């Protein structure tokens, strides 16, 4: 999943490219949901983003991007 600019009027944000491996995208989404519900680290991340003025959905997108980057760096390091 790669970052893609999502521009709408004055709103500027980055979303993840939904193309590619659908199973990997589904697994990433499931991981993010589980972490946001159960893990204090995930909930605190979302809380910080919401305090910045983002919606819950945007906070979830940001966390998904962070988890995606962390998993990519972990895989790249192990090769």
Protein backbone atom coordinates (compact mmCIF):
# COMPACT_ATOMS: atom_id res chain seq x y z
CA UNK A 1 0.00 0.00 0.00
CA UNK A 2 1.49 3.27 -1.05
CA UNK A 3 0.45 6.79 0.00
CA UNK A 4 -1.69 8.75 -2.47
CA UNK A 5 -2.72 12.41 -2.18
CA UNK A 6 -6.45 12.88 -1.67
CA UNK A 7 -7.33 16.49 -2.34
CA UNK A 8 -10.80 17.94 -1.96
CA UNK A 9 -11.11 21.70 -1.99
CA UNK A 10 -9.09 23.02 0.93
CA UNK A 11 -8.81 19.63 2.58
CA UNK A 12 -5.52 17.94 1.90
CA UNK A 13 -4.81 14.46 3.20
CA UNK A 14 -2.97 11.32 2.28
CA UNK A 15 -4.75 8.02 1.82
CA UNK A 16 -3.38 4.61 0.99
CA UNK A 17 -3.47 3.18 -2.48
CA UNK A 18 -6.10 0.44 -2.47
CA UNK A 19 -4.63 -1.30 -5.49
CA UNK A 20 -2.50 -4.38 -5.26
CA UNK A 21 -2.88 -7.37 -2.97
CA UNK A 22 -6.43 -7.42 -1.62
CA UNK A 23 -5.64 -10.05 1.00
CA UNK A 24 -2.78 -7.95 2.37
CA UNK A 25 -5.03 -4.87 2.47
CA UNK A 26 -7.71 -6.85 4.30
CA UNK A 27 -5.19 -8.19 6.81
CA UNK A 28 -3.82 -4.70 7.43
CA UNK A 29 -7.33 -3.34 8.00
CA UNK A 30 -8.10 -6.17 10.44
CA UNK A 31 -4.88 -5.49 12.35
CA UNK A 32 -5.69 -1.79 12.61
CA UNK A 33 -9.22 -2.44 13.86
CA UNK A 34 -8.00 -4.90 16.47
CA UNK A 35 -5.30 -2.52 17.68
CA UNK A 36 -7.68 0.44 17.86
CA UNK A 37 -10.15 -1.60 19.90
CA UNK A 38 -7.82 -3.52 22.20
CA UNK A 39 -4.39 -1.94 22.38
CA UNK A 40 -3.72 1.14 24.49
CA UNK A 41 -1.01 2.24 22.06
CA UNK A 42 -3.50 2.28 19.18
CA UNK A 43 -6.16 4.07 21.17
CA UNK A 44 -3.72 6.73 22.35
CA UNK A 45 -2.56 7.27 18.74
CA UNK A 46 -6.14 7.77 17.60
CA UNK A 47 -6.82 10.04 20.58
CA UNK A 48 -3.89 12.27 19.62
CA UNK A 49 -5.09 12.51 16.02
CA UNK A 50 -8.63 13.35 17.12
CA UNK A 51 -7.22 16.03 19.46
CA UNK A 52 -5.49 17.51 16.38
CA UNK A 53 -8.93 17.97 14.82
CA UNK A 54 -9.17 14.86 12.65
CA UNK A 55 -12.30 12.75 12.52
CA UNK A 56 -12.32 9.18 13.81
CA UNK A 57 -12.14 7.85 10.28
CA UNK A 58 -9.18 10.07 9.40
CA UNK A 59 -7.43 8.98 12.61
CA UNK A 60 -7.98 5.38 11.58
CA UNK A 61 -6.50 6.11 8.14
CA UNK A 62 -3.44 7.72 9.73
CA UNK A 63 -2.97 4.74 12.00
CA UNK A 64 -3.33 2.37 9.07
CA UNK A 65 -0.57 4.25 7.25
CA UNK A 66 1.66 4.08 10.34
CA UNK A 67 1.08 0.34 10.76
CA UNK A 68 1.73 -0.18 7.04
CA UNK A 69 5.04 1.69 7.24
CA UNK A 70 6.10 -0.19 10.37
CA UNK A 71 5.34 -3.56 8.78
CA UNK A 72 7.19 -2.58 5.61
CA UNK A 73 10.26 -1.50 7.58
CA UNK A 74 10.14 -4.72 9.59
CA UNK A 75 9.99 -6.84 6.43
CA UNK A 76 12.74 -4.83 4.73
CA UNK A 77 14.99 -5.18 7.77
CA UNK A 78 14.59 -8.96 7.92
CA UNK A 79 15.61 -9.48 4.28
